[in-house]
Amino acid sequence: MWKTNLACILYHHRFFDDQIVIFNAISGQTHIVNQLCGDVLELLQQCPLNSDCLAKELAQVNNFCLDNDWFSYIESMLADLDKVGLIEPVMS
Protein backbone atom coordinates (compact mmCIF):
# COMPACT_ATOMS: atom_id res chain seq x y z
CA MET A 1 0.00 0.00 0.00
CA TRP A 2 1.15 3.51 -0.82
CA LYS A 3 0.11 6.98 0.30
CA THR A 4 1.35 10.50 -0.23
CA ASN A 5 4.01 11.51 2.25
CA LEU A 6 1.99 13.26 4.95
CA ALA A 7 5.06 15.21 6.07
CA CYS A 8 5.13 16.87 2.65
CA ILE A 9 2.96 19.66 1.48
CA LEU A 10 2.52 19.18 -2.24
CA TYR A 11 1.61 22.17 -4.31
CA HIS A 12 0.80 21.16 -7.83
CA HIS A 13 -1.48 21.58 -10.81
CA ARG A 14 0.56 24.15 -12.63
CA PHE A 15 0.27 22.70 -16.10
CA PHE A 16 2.74 23.19 -18.93
CA ASP A 17 2.07 21.11 -22.07
CA ASP A 18 0.84 18.01 -20.22
CA GLN A 19 3.43 18.42 -17.47
CA ILE A 20 2.70 19.27 -13.86
CA VAL A 21 5.00 21.22 -11.57
CA ILE A 22 5.01 19.84 -8.02
CA PHE A 23 6.69 21.61 -5.15
CA ASN A 24 7.56 19.60 -2.05
CA ALA A 25 7.55 22.17 0.78
CA ILE A 26 9.46 19.87 3.15
CA SER A 27 12.41 19.11 0.87
CA GLY A 28 12.27 22.41 -1.01
CA GLN A 29 12.48 20.49 -4.27
CA THR A 30 10.43 21.11 -7.36
CA HIS A 31 9.50 18.20 -9.60
CA ILE A 32 8.10 18.20 -13.12
CA VAL A 33 5.95 15.15 -13.80
CA ASN A 34 3.61 13.97 -16.52
CA GLN A 35 -0.17 13.92 -16.20
CA LEU A 36 -0.21 10.22 -15.29
CA CYS A 37 2.14 10.81 -12.38
CA GLY A 38 -0.06 13.69 -11.27
CA ASP A 39 -3.04 11.35 -11.38
CA VAL A 40 -1.16 8.87 -9.18
CA LEU A 41 -0.47 11.57 -6.59
CA GLU A 42 -4.09 12.72 -6.62
CA LEU A 43 -5.39 9.19 -6.10
CA LEU A 44 -2.94 8.53 -3.28
CA GLN A 45 -3.92 11.79 -1.57
CA GLN A 46 -7.51 10.54 -1.45
CA CYS A 47 -6.67 7.17 0.12
CA PRO A 48 -3.82 4.65 0.33
CA LEU A 49 -3.80 2.09 -2.49
CA ASN A 50 -1.70 -0.90 -3.37
CA SER A 51 0.08 -0.88 -6.71
CA ASP A 52 -2.32 -3.36 -8.33
CA CYS A 53 -5.43 -1.31 -7.46
CA LEU A 54 -3.69 1.85 -8.58
CA ALA A 55 -2.66 0.29 -11.90
CA LYS A 56 -6.20 -0.98 -12.51
CA GLU A 57 -7.79 2.39 -11.67
CA LEU A 58 -5.40 4.31 -13.92
CA ALA A 59 -5.79 1.84 -16.79
CA GLN A 60 -9.55 2.09 -16.60
CA VAL A 61 -9.65 5.89 -16.43
CA ASN A 62 -7.15 6.29 -19.27
CA ASN A 63 -8.40 3.35 -21.35
CA PHE A 64 -4.98 1.65 -21.27
CA CYS A 65 -4.24 -2.05 -21.71
CA LEU A 66 -3.91 -3.80 -18.36
CA ASP A 67 -0.92 -6.08 -18.93
CA ASN A 68 2.40 -6.96 -17.29
CA ASP A 69 4.18 -4.00 -18.91
CA TRP A 70 1.60 -1.63 -17.43
CA PHE A 71 1.98 -3.12 -13.94
CA SER A 72 5.78 -2.85 -14.25
CA TYR A 73 5.51 0.77 -15.37
CA ILE A 74 3.35 1.68 -12.37
CA GLU A 75 5.70 -0.16 -9.99
CA SER A 76 8.64 1.78 -11.43
CA MET A 77 6.78 5.08 -11.12
CA LEU A 78 5.92 4.35 -7.48
CA ALA A 79 9.57 3.52 -6.74
CA ASP A 80 10.65 6.82 -8.30
CA LEU A 81 8.03 8.80 -6.35
CA ASP A 82 9.15 7.08 -3.15
CA LYS A 83 12.80 7.83 -3.91
CA VAL A 84 12.12 11.59 -4.13
CA GLY A 85 9.92 11.51 -1.01
CA LEU A 86 6.56 12.32 -2.56
CA ILE A 87 4.96 9.05 -1.48
CA GLU A 88 5.69 6.45 1.18
CA PRO A 89 4.69 2.89 1.90
CA VAL A 90 1.89 2.35 4.39
CA MET A 91 3.18 0.45 7.39
CA SER A 92 0.68 -1.98 8.83
C-alpha atoms as a PDB file:
ATOM      1  CA  MET A   1       0.000   0.000   0.000  1.00  0.00           C
ATOM      2  CA  TRP A   2       1.151   3.514  -0.824  1.00  0.00           C
ATOM      3  CA  LYS A   3       0.107   6.975   0.295  1.00  0.00           C
ATOM      4  CA  THR A   4       1.347  10.495  -0.228  1.00  0.00           C
ATOM      5  CA  ASN A   5       4.007  11.506   2.245  1.00  0.00           C
ATOM      6  CA  LEU A   6       1.993  13.260   4.947  1.00  0.00           C
ATOM      7  CA  ALA A   7       5.064  15.212   6.070  1.00  0.00           C
ATOM      8  CA  CYS A   8       5.134  16.874   2.653  1.00  0.00           C
ATOM      9  CA  ILE A   9       2.958  19.662   1.479  1.00  0.00           C
ATOM     10  CA  LEU A  10       2.518  19.178  -2.239  1.00  0.00           C
ATOM     11  CA  TYR A  11       1.606  22.171  -4.305  1.00  0.00           C
ATOM     12  CA  HIS A  12       0.801  21.164  -7.835  1.00  0.00           C
ATOM     13  CA  HIS A  13      -1.481  21.580 -10.809  1.00  0.00           C
ATOM     14  CA  ARG A  14       0.557  24.154 -12.635  1.00  0.00           C
ATOM     15  CA  PHE A  15       0.270  22.696 -16.103  1.00  0.00           C
ATOM     16  CA  PHE A  16       2.738  23.189 -18.927  1.00  0.00           C
ATOM     17  CA  ASP A  17       2.068  21.110 -22.073  1.00  0.00           C
ATOM     18  CA  ASP A  18       0.844  18.006 -20.217  1.00  0.00           C
ATOM     19  CA  GLN A  19       3.426  18.421 -17.472  1.00  0.00           C
ATOM     20  CA  ILE A  20       2.698  19.274 -13.862  1.00  0.00           C
ATOM     21  CA  VAL A  21       4.998  21.219 -11.568  1.00  0.00           C
ATOM     22  CA  ILE A  22       5.009  19.844  -8.025  1.00  0.00           C
ATOM     23  CA  PHE A  23       6.694  21.612  -5.146  1.00  0.00           C
ATOM     24  CA  ASN A  24       7.557  19.603  -2.048  1.00  0.00           C
ATOM     25  CA  ALA A  25       7.554  22.167   0.776  1.00  0.00           C
ATOM     26  CA  ILE A  26       9.457  19.865   3.148  1.00  0.00           C
ATOM     27  CA  SER A  27      12.412  19.107   0.867  1.00  0.00           C
ATOM     28  CA  GLY A  28      12.273  22.405  -1.007  1.00  0.00           C
ATOM     29  CA  GLN A  29      12.479  20.486  -4.272  1.00  0.00           C
ATOM     30  CA  THR A  30      10.431  21.114  -7.365  1.00  0.00           C
ATOM     31  CA  HIS A  31       9.503  18.196  -9.602  1.00  0.00           C
ATOM     32  CA  ILE A  32       8.096  18.202 -13.120  1.00  0.00           C
ATOM     33  CA  VAL A  33       5.951  15.154 -13.796  1.00  0.00           C
ATOM     34  CA  ASN A  34       3.610  13.974 -16.517  1.00  0.00           C
ATOM     35  CA  GLN A  35      -0.173  13.915 -16.205  1.00  0.00           C
ATOM     36  CA  LEU A  36      -0.213  10.222 -15.291  1.00  0.00           C
ATOM     37  CA  CYS A  37       2.143  10.807 -12.384  1.00  0.00           C
ATOM     38  CA  GLY A  38      -0.058  13.695 -11.267  1.00  0.00           C
ATOM     39  CA  ASP A  39      -3.041  11.346 -11.376  1.00  0.00           C
ATOM     40  CA  VAL A  40      -1.157   8.872  -9.179  1.00  0.00           C
ATOM     41  CA  LEU A  41      -0.472  11.565  -6.588  1.00  0.00           C
ATOM     42  CA  GLU A  42      -4.095  12.725  -6.620  1.00  0.00           C
ATOM     43  CA  LEU A  43      -5.395   9.192  -6.098  1.00  0.00           C
ATOM     44  CA  LEU A  44      -2.940   8.534  -3.276  1.00  0.00           C
ATOM     45  CA  GLN A  45      -3.918  11.792  -1.566  1.00  0.00           C
ATOM     46  CA  GLN A  46      -7.507  10.535  -1.448  1.00  0.00           C
ATOM     47  CA  CYS A  47      -6.672   7.171   0.121  1.00  0.00           C
ATOM     48  CA  PRO A  48      -3.825   4.650   0.326  1.00  0.00           C
ATOM     49  CA  LEU A  49      -3.802   2.093  -2.487  1.00  0.00           C
ATOM     50  CA  ASN A  50      -1.702  -0.904  -3.373  1.00  0.00           C
ATOM     51  CA  SER A  51       0.081  -0.882  -6.711  1.00  0.00           C
ATOM     52  CA  ASP A  52      -2.322  -3.362  -8.333  1.00  0.00           C
ATOM     53  CA  CYS A  53      -5.426  -1.309  -7.459  1.00  0.00           C
ATOM     54  CA  LEU A  54      -3.686   1.851  -8.578  1.00  0.00           C
ATOM     55  CA  ALA A  55      -2.662   0.294 -11.902  1.00  0.00           C
ATOM     56  CA  LYS A  56      -6.197  -0.981 -12.512  1.00  0.00           C
ATOM     57  CA  GLU A  57      -7.792   2.391 -11.675  1.00  0.00           C
ATOM     58  CA  LEU A  58      -5.398   4.311 -13.925  1.00  0.00           C
ATOM     59  CA  ALA A  59      -5.786   1.841 -16.794  1.00  0.00           C
ATOM     60  CA  GLN A  60      -9.555   2.086 -16.604  1.00  0.00           C
ATOM     61  CA  VAL A  61      -9.647   5.892 -16.428  1.00  0.00           C
ATOM     62  CA  ASN A  62      -7.150   6.293 -19.271  1.00  0.00           C
ATOM     63  CA  ASN A  63      -8.396   3.354 -21.352  1.00  0.00           C
ATOM     64  CA  PHE A  64      -4.976   1.652 -21.268  1.00  0.00           C
ATOM     65  CA  CYS A  65      -4.245  -2.047 -21.706  1.00  0.00           C
ATOM     66  CA  LEU A  66      -3.913  -3.803 -18.357  1.00  0.00           C
ATOM     67  CA  ASP A  67      -0.919  -6.085 -18.930  1.00  0.00           C
ATOM     68  CA  ASN A  68       2.404  -6.958 -17.287  1.00  0.00           C
ATOM     69  CA  ASP A  69       4.178  -4.003 -18.911  1.00  0.00           C
ATOM     70  CA  TRP A  70       1.602  -1.633 -17.431  1.00  0.00           C
ATOM     71  CA  PHE A  71       1.979  -3.117 -13.936  1.00  0.00           C
ATOM     72  CA  SER A  72       5.783  -2.852 -14.251  1.00  0.00           C
ATOM     73  CA  TYR A  73       5.509   0.768 -15.373  1.00  0.00           C
ATOM     74  CA  ILE A  74       3.346   1.676 -12.372  1.00  0.00           C
ATOM     75  CA  GLU A  75       5.699  -0.157  -9.987  1.00  0.00           C
ATOM     76  CA  SER A  76       8.639   1.782 -11.432  1.00  0.00           C
ATOM     77  CA  MET A  77       6.776   5.080 -11.120  1.00  0.00           C
ATOM     78  CA  LEU A  78       5.916   4.349  -7.484  1.00  0.00           C
ATOM     79  CA  ALA A  79       9.567   3.520  -6.741  1.00  0.00           C
ATOM     80  CA  ASP A  80      10.645   6.824  -8.298  1.00  0.00           C
ATOM     81  CA  LEU A  81       8.028   8.802  -6.350  1.00  0.00           C
ATOM     82  CA  ASP A  82       9.152   7.078  -3.151  1.00  0.00           C
ATOM     83  CA  LYS A  83      12.799   7.834  -3.906  1.00  0.00           C
ATOM     84  CA  VAL A  84      12.118  11.587  -4.135  1.00  0.00           C
ATOM     85  CA  GLY A  85       9.922  11.509  -1.012  1.00  0.00           C
ATOM     86  CA  LEU A  86       6.556  12.324  -2.565  1.00  0.00           C
ATOM     87  CA  ILE A  87       4.957   9.048  -1.476  1.00  0.00           C
ATOM     88  CA  GLU A  88       5.693   6.452   1.177  1.00  0.00           C
ATOM     89  CA  PRO A  89       4.691   2.887   1.903  1.00  0.00           C
ATOM     90  CA  VAL A  90       1.888   2.348   4.393  1.00  0.00           C
ATOM     91  CA  MET A  91       3.182   0.450   7.387  1.00  0.00           C
ATOM     92  CA  SER A  92       0.675  -1.982   8.828  1.00  0.00           C
END
